[in-house]
């Protein structure tokens, strides 16, 4: 149970604690989807207790600047059914003396009194019309569970995973010959092939994700596909007519047989991402990227 008692000025050097309510609390300053980072405060997207039948925050003995109630009215008028309040909390230090209204009839040692500041949909520390008050809570605050899979996706979002940087013979703009070996490959950089590593942290947990291309599927434009589990081998003149050792193709007809007059070659890479959390859990994610080029293949004309 929480109770509003009085408007606060905020003393420095108070312990950071999370409120033990039904909403999400974040015990550090890491950004989290849908929740404003709160710096040195403990942040929670929680509902401010409402006065019965009003739909407005309860003001208590002297509580609140009144700005939050106005914003809440605006949200109700727009039909917003989600809870838009963000609050931050600190353990009051020193605790109020015995008999203070902040204890709501409880004695020191029975729960604790916290300082609360709430704002409507914004960072409470920077909001001009924040709602201030003292609150009492019966149980010690507990940090919420952090989903390592969510942190893993945040780590992946930090990566720059690109489509294959296509290398192919014949080169785009040049001409190949029917029946000659075609080499396909991609540059082997962290962004085009891997490994690519990134981390994300929250609630004392760090997740590290490592991404690497597991395969590249080449759609050759002649109705054929080639699946390569390596980056491929770049062609060199000394290879002559030797086929690619790991990622190649041969065209059996000229590109003039297609409506565009060229073969549209698409390379689709599958990024396999393994992640591991410092508290034990592991998992996998997958990302897909593709790029394309157009090449020309002709028939050799034999003169009699």
Protein backbone atom coordinates (compact mmCIF):
# COMPACT_ATOMS: atom_id res chain seq x y z
CA UNK A 1 0.00 0.00 0.00
CA UNK A 2 1.27 3.49 -0.87
CA UNK A 3 0.09 6.73 0.65
CA UNK A 4 0.54 10.37 -0.33
CA UNK A 5 1.51 12.79 2.46
CA UNK A 6 3.46 15.88 1.45
CA UNK A 7 5.40 17.73 -1.26
CA UNK A 8 9.10 16.89 -1.17
CA UNK A 9 12.39 18.55 -1.72
CA UNK A 10 14.94 15.93 -2.68
CA UNK A 11 17.98 15.44 -0.41
CA UNK A 12 21.15 14.03 -1.91
CA UNK A 13 22.89 10.75 -1.15
CA UNK A 14 19.83 8.49 -0.88
CA UNK A 15 19.93 4.75 -1.59
CA UNK A 16 18.45 3.61 -4.92
CA UNK A 17 15.59 1.14 -4.59
CA UNK A 18 12.83 -0.22 -6.82
CA UNK A 19 9.19 -0.04 -5.84
CA UNK A 20 7.60 -3.48 -5.16
CA UNK A 21 4.51 -2.98 -7.31
CA UNK A 22 3.00 -4.82 -10.26
CA UNK A 23 4.70 -2.68 -12.91
CA UNK A 24 8.15 -2.91 -14.47
CA UNK A 25 11.11 -1.39 -12.62
CA UNK A 26 14.60 -0.93 -13.98
CA UNK A 27 17.42 -0.93 -11.48
CA UNK A 28 19.98 0.86 -13.65
CA UNK A 29 20.23 3.54 -16.31
CA UNK A 30 20.19 1.24 -19.33
CA UNK A 31 17.51 2.20 -21.89
CA UNK A 32 14.69 -0.31 -22.16
CA UNK A 33 11.96 -0.50 -24.76
CA UNK A 34 9.04 1.75 -23.83
CA UNK A 35 10.60 3.00 -20.58
CA UNK A 36 12.46 6.27 -20.13
CA UNK A 37 15.98 5.88 -18.65
CA UNK A 38 16.12 7.45 -15.20
CA UNK A 39 19.79 8.10 -14.50
CA UNK A 40 20.67 7.68 -10.83
CA UNK A 41 17.05 6.93 -9.88
CA UNK A 42 15.28 3.59 -10.01
CA UNK A 43 12.71 3.85 -12.78
CA UNK A 44 9.31 2.19 -13.05
CA UNK A 45 6.38 2.62 -15.39
CA UNK A 46 3.74 2.46 -12.67
CA UNK A 47 0.33 3.90 -12.01
CA UNK A 48 0.01 6.77 -9.60
CA UNK A 49 -2.64 5.88 -6.95
CA UNK A 50 -5.91 7.54 -7.90
CA UNK A 51 -8.52 9.27 -5.83
CA UNK A 52 -11.70 7.10 -5.82
CA UNK A 53 -13.99 7.80 -8.76
CA UNK A 54 -11.91 10.65 -10.21
CA UNK A 55 -9.42 8.98 -12.53
CA UNK A 56 -6.86 11.49 -11.19
CA UNK A 57 -3.77 11.01 -9.00
CA UNK A 58 -4.48 11.11 -5.27
CA UNK A 59 -2.92 14.25 -3.81
CA UNK A 60 -2.66 13.28 -0.13
CA UNK A 61 -1.89 15.86 2.56
CA UNK A 62 -0.06 18.27 0.27
CA UNK A 63 1.13 16.10 -2.54
CA UNK A 64 1.86 16.91 -6.13
CA UNK A 65 2.25 19.89 -8.36
CA UNK A 66 -1.05 19.18 -10.13
CA UNK A 67 0.59 18.90 -13.55
CA UNK A 68 0.18 15.13 -13.66
CA UNK A 69 -3.59 15.31 -13.08
CA UNK A 70 -4.01 17.62 -16.07
CA UNK A 71 -2.05 15.28 -18.32
CA UNK A 72 -4.03 12.31 -17.05
CA UNK A 73 -7.28 14.08 -17.96
CA UNK A 74 -5.93 14.70 -21.47
CA UNK A 75 -5.08 11.00 -21.85
CA UNK A 76 -8.52 9.94 -20.64
CA UNK A 77 -10.13 12.31 -23.13
CA UNK A 78 -8.16 10.65 -25.94
CA UNK A 79 -9.25 7.18 -24.80
CA UNK A 80 -5.74 6.08 -23.77
CA UNK A 81 -6.22 2.90 -21.74
CA UNK A 82 -2.51 2.21 -21.18
CA UNK A 83 -0.72 3.44 -18.06
CA UNK A 84 1.43 6.41 -19.14
CA UNK A 85 3.02 7.27 -15.77
CA UNK A 86 6.76 6.89 -15.16
CA UNK A 87 8.01 7.08 -11.57
CA UNK A 88 11.36 7.03 -9.76
CA UNK A 89 12.00 6.13 -6.12
CA UNK A 90 14.60 6.55 -3.37
CA UNK A 91 14.68 5.23 0.15
CA UNK A 92 14.17 8.19 2.47
CA UNK A 93 17.35 8.67 4.49
CA UNK A 94 16.92 9.39 7.30
CA UNK A 95 13.53 7.72 7.67
CA UNK A 96 10.76 9.94 9.11
CA UNK A 97 10.46 9.94 12.92
CA UNK A 98 7.93 7.74 14.68
CA UNK A 99 4.47 9.26 14.58
CA UNK A 100 5.02 11.01 11.25
CA UNK A 101 2.05 10.89 8.88
CA UNK A 102 4.41 9.43 6.28
CA UNK A 103 4.29 6.12 8.17
CA UNK A 104 0.48 5.96 7.76
CA UNK A 105 0.06 4.52 11.24
CA UNK A 106 3.02 2.12 10.98
CA UNK A 107 6.07 2.14 13.20
CA UNK A 108 9.67 2.56 12.05
CA UNK A 109 10.97 -0.86 11.07
CA UNK A 110 7.57 -1.90 9.68
CA UNK A 111 8.31 -1.50 5.99
CA UNK A 112 9.94 1.75 4.93
CA UNK A 113 9.18 5.20 3.56
CA UNK A 114 10.33 6.18 0.08
CA UNK A 115 10.52 9.40 -1.89
CA UNK A 116 8.59 9.23 -5.15
CA UNK A 117 8.49 11.50 -8.20
CA UNK A 118 6.20 10.68 -11.14
CA UNK A 119 5.76 12.27 -14.55
CA UNK A 120 3.26 11.69 -17.34
CA UNK A 121 5.05 9.75 -20.08
CA UNK A 122 8.44 11.45 -19.67
CA UNK A 123 11.61 11.30 -17.60
CA UNK A 124 10.51 12.38 -14.09
CA UNK A 125 13.85 14.06 -13.43
CA UNK A 126 13.43 16.49 -16.33
CA UNK A 127 9.64 16.89 -16.43
CA UNK A 128 8.42 20.41 -15.57
CA UNK A 129 5.16 19.21 -13.97
CA UNK A 130 6.18 16.20 -11.91
CA UNK A 131 4.14 14.68 -9.09
CA UNK A 132 6.07 14.56 -5.75
CA UNK A 133 5.24 12.72 -2.57
CA UNK A 134 6.32 10.37 0.24
CA UNK A 135 5.12 6.76 -0.01
CA UNK A 136 5.20 3.83 2.43
CA UNK A 137 5.78 0.23 1.29
CA UNK A 138 5.49 -2.86 3.46
CA UNK A 139 8.09 -5.10 1.78
CA UNK A 140 11.67 -4.53 0.72
CA UNK A 141 11.93 -3.64 -2.97
CA UNK A 142 12.95 -6.41 -5.36
CA UNK A 143 14.56 -6.01 -8.77
CA UNK A 144 12.46 -7.33 -11.67
CA UNK A 145 13.56 -10.24 -13.77
CA UNK A 146 15.49 -9.22 -16.89
CA UNK A 147 14.76 -11.26 -20.02
CA UNK A 148 18.15 -12.20 -21.55
CA UNK A 149 16.47 -12.73 -24.94
CA UNK A 150 15.42 -9.08 -24.97
CA UNK A 151 19.00 -8.02 -24.19
CA UNK A 152 20.22 -10.34 -26.94
CA UNK A 153 18.03 -8.58 -29.50
CA UNK A 154 19.30 -5.22 -28.22
CA UNK A 155 22.85 -6.45 -28.78
CA UNK A 156 21.99 -7.54 -32.33
CA UNK A 157 20.42 -4.14 -32.99
CA UNK A 158 23.81 -2.58 -32.22
CA UNK A 159 25.46 -4.64 -34.96
CA UNK A 160 25.74 -3.53 -38.58
CA UNK A 161 24.93 -6.73 -40.46
CA UNK A 162 25.11 -6.13 -44.20
CA UNK A 163 24.11 -8.12 -47.26
CA UNK A 164 26.87 -9.92 -49.18
CA UNK A 165 29.35 -7.65 -50.94
CA UNK A 166 29.02 -9.62 -54.17
CA UNK A 167 32.04 -10.72 -56.14
CA UNK A 168 31.30 -12.67 -59.33
CA UNK A 169 32.77 -13.65 -62.67
CA UNK A 170 31.83 -12.45 -65.14
CA UNK A 171 31.83 -9.01 -63.59
CA UNK A 172 28.75 -6.79 -63.95
CA UNK A 173 29.31 -4.73 -67.09
CA UNK A 174 31.50 -7.43 -68.63
CA UNK A 175 30.61 -10.56 -70.55
CA UNK A 176 30.87 -14.23 -69.67
CA UNK A 177 30.62 -17.23 -71.92
CA UNK A 178 28.16 -20.11 -71.79
CA UNK A 179 29.79 -23.19 -70.24
CA UNK A 180 32.65 -21.29 -68.58
CA UNK A 181 33.00 -21.53 -64.77
CA UNK A 182 31.35 -18.80 -62.73
CA UNK A 183 32.90 -17.89 -59.39
CA UNK A 184 30.79 -16.30 -56.62
CA UNK A 185 32.10 -14.83 -53.36
CA UNK A 186 31.64 -12.07 -50.78
CA UNK A 187 34.06 -9.89 -48.86
CA UNK A 188 34.90 -11.46 -45.49
CA UNK A 189 34.48 -8.46 -43.19
CA UNK A 190 32.73 -8.29 -39.80
CA UNK A 191 29.77 -6.52 -41.40
CA UNK A 192 29.44 -8.72 -44.51
CA UNK A 193 30.43 -12.17 -43.19
CA UNK A 194 31.38 -11.98 -39.51
CA UNK A 195 32.15 -12.65 -36.81
CA UNK A 196 30.37 -9.57 -35.50
CA UNK A 197 30.17 -9.13 -31.71
CA UNK A 198 28.07 -6.79 -29.53
CA UNK A 199 26.75 -6.70 -25.96
CA UNK A 200 23.80 -5.24 -24.04
CA UNK A 201 23.28 -5.01 -20.27
CA UNK A 202 20.51 -4.34 -17.76
CA UNK A 203 19.69 -5.31 -14.20
CA UNK A 204 23.20 -6.60 -13.54
CA UNK A 205 23.04 -9.00 -16.52
CA UNK A 206 25.17 -8.68 -19.66
CA UNK A 207 24.37 -10.55 -22.86
CA UNK A 208 27.02 -10.95 -25.55
CA UNK A 209 25.93 -11.90 -29.07
CA UNK A 210 28.19 -13.20 -31.85
CA UNK A 211 26.92 -13.20 -35.45
CA UNK A 212 28.40 -15.04 -38.42
CA UNK A 213 27.02 -15.93 -41.86
CA UNK A 214 26.08 -19.61 -41.90
CA UNK A 215 25.20 -19.79 -45.61
CA UNK A 216 24.67 -17.74 -48.74
CA UNK A 217 22.03 -18.82 -51.24
CA UNK A 218 22.76 -17.62 -54.76
CA UNK A 219 19.79 -17.32 -57.13
CA UNK A 220 21.52 -17.32 -60.52
CA UNK A 221 18.76 -15.87 -62.72
CA UNK A 222 18.54 -18.96 -64.95
CA UNK A 223 16.21 -20.88 -62.65
CA UNK A 224 19.08 -22.44 -60.66
CA UNK A 225 20.16 -21.79 -57.05
CA UNK A 226 23.49 -22.53 -55.40
CA UNK A 227 23.90 -22.77 -51.60
CA UNK A 228 27.40 -21.98 -50.32
CA UNK A 229 28.51 -22.51 -46.73
CA UNK A 230 31.71 -20.52 -47.22
CA UNK A 231 32.38 -16.95 -48.30
CA UNK A 232 33.49 -18.30 -51.69
CA UNK A 233 36.81 -18.01 -53.51
CA UNK A 234 37.65 -14.81 -55.44
CA UNK A 235 38.59 -15.57 -59.04
CA UNK A 236 42.16 -15.09 -60.26
CA UNK A 237 43.42 -15.16 -63.84
CA UNK A 238 45.71 -18.11 -63.11
CA UNK A 239 42.67 -20.28 -62.32
CA UNK A 240 41.81 -20.26 -66.03
CA UNK A 241 38.93 -22.66 -66.74
CA UNK A 242 39.08 -24.43 -63.38
CA UNK A 243 35.76 -24.41 -61.51
CA UNK A 244 35.42 -22.69 -58.15
CA UNK A 245 36.48 -25.05 -55.33
CA UNK A 246 33.61 -24.06 -53.05
CA UNK A 247 31.04 -21.72 -54.64
CA UNK A 248 30.53 -21.81 -58.38
CA UNK A 249 28.11 -22.29 -61.28
CA UNK A 250 27.97 -22.79 -65.08
CA UNK A 251 25.41 -21.23 -67.39
CA UNK A 252 24.00 -23.51 -70.07
CA UNK A 253 22.26 -20.75 -72.02
CA UNK A 254 22.99 -17.10 -72.82
CA UNK A 255 21.40 -14.26 -70.89
CA UNK A 256 19.90 -13.00 -74.15
CA UNK A 257 17.24 -15.69 -73.62
CA UNK A 258 15.83 -13.66 -70.70
CA UNK A 259 13.45 -10.69 -71.16
CA UNK A 260 16.01 -8.30 -69.61
CA UNK A 261 18.93 -9.67 -71.61
CA UNK A 262 20.90 -10.25 -68.40
CA UNK A 263 20.91 -12.72 -65.53
CA UNK A 264 19.70 -11.12 -62.30
CA UNK A 265 21.84 -12.75 -59.58
CA UNK A 266 20.72 -12.45 -55.94
CA UNK A 267 22.87 -13.42 -52.95
CA UNK A 268 20.96 -14.01 -49.70
CA UNK A 269 23.02 -14.43 -46.54
CA UNK A 270 21.71 -16.02 -43.34
CA UNK A 271 23.33 -14.67 -40.19
CA UNK A 272 23.42 -17.21 -37.35
CA UNK A 273 23.64 -15.39 -34.01
CA UNK A 274 24.59 -17.12 -30.77
CA UNK A 275 24.17 -15.25 -27.50
CA UNK A 276 25.14 -15.91 -23.91
CA UNK A 277 24.14 -14.15 -20.69
CA UNK A 278 26.41 -13.71 -17.69
CA UNK A 279 23.79 -15.41 -15.51
CA UNK A 280 23.80 -18.58 -17.62
CA UNK A 281 21.09 -18.60 -20.34
CA UNK A 282 22.07 -18.99 -24.00
CA UNK A 283 20.14 -18.83 -27.25
CA UNK A 284 20.17 -18.27 -31.00
CA UNK A 285 18.77 -15.65 -33.35
CA UNK A 286 18.70 -15.36 -37.15
CA UNK A 287 18.95 -12.38 -39.49
CA UNK A 288 18.72 -12.42 -43.31
CA UNK A 289 20.23 -9.94 -45.79
CA UNK A 290 20.36 -9.91 -49.61
CA UNK A 291 21.95 -8.03 -52.49
CA UNK A 292 21.91 -8.43 -56.28
CA UNK A 293 23.79 -7.76 -59.53
CA UNK A 294 23.06 -8.25 -63.25
CA UNK A 295 25.53 -10.08 -65.50
CA UNK A 296 25.73 -10.85 -69.20
CA UNK A 297 26.56 -14.30 -70.59
CA UNK A 298 26.95 -14.88 -74.33
CA UNK A 299 27.46 -17.83 -76.68
CA UNK A 300 30.76 -18.28 -78.50
CA UNK A 301 30.32 -17.72 -82.21
CA UNK A 302 32.19 -20.31 -84.29
CA UNK A 303 33.33 -19.19 -87.75
CA UNK A 304 33.66 -21.73 -90.59
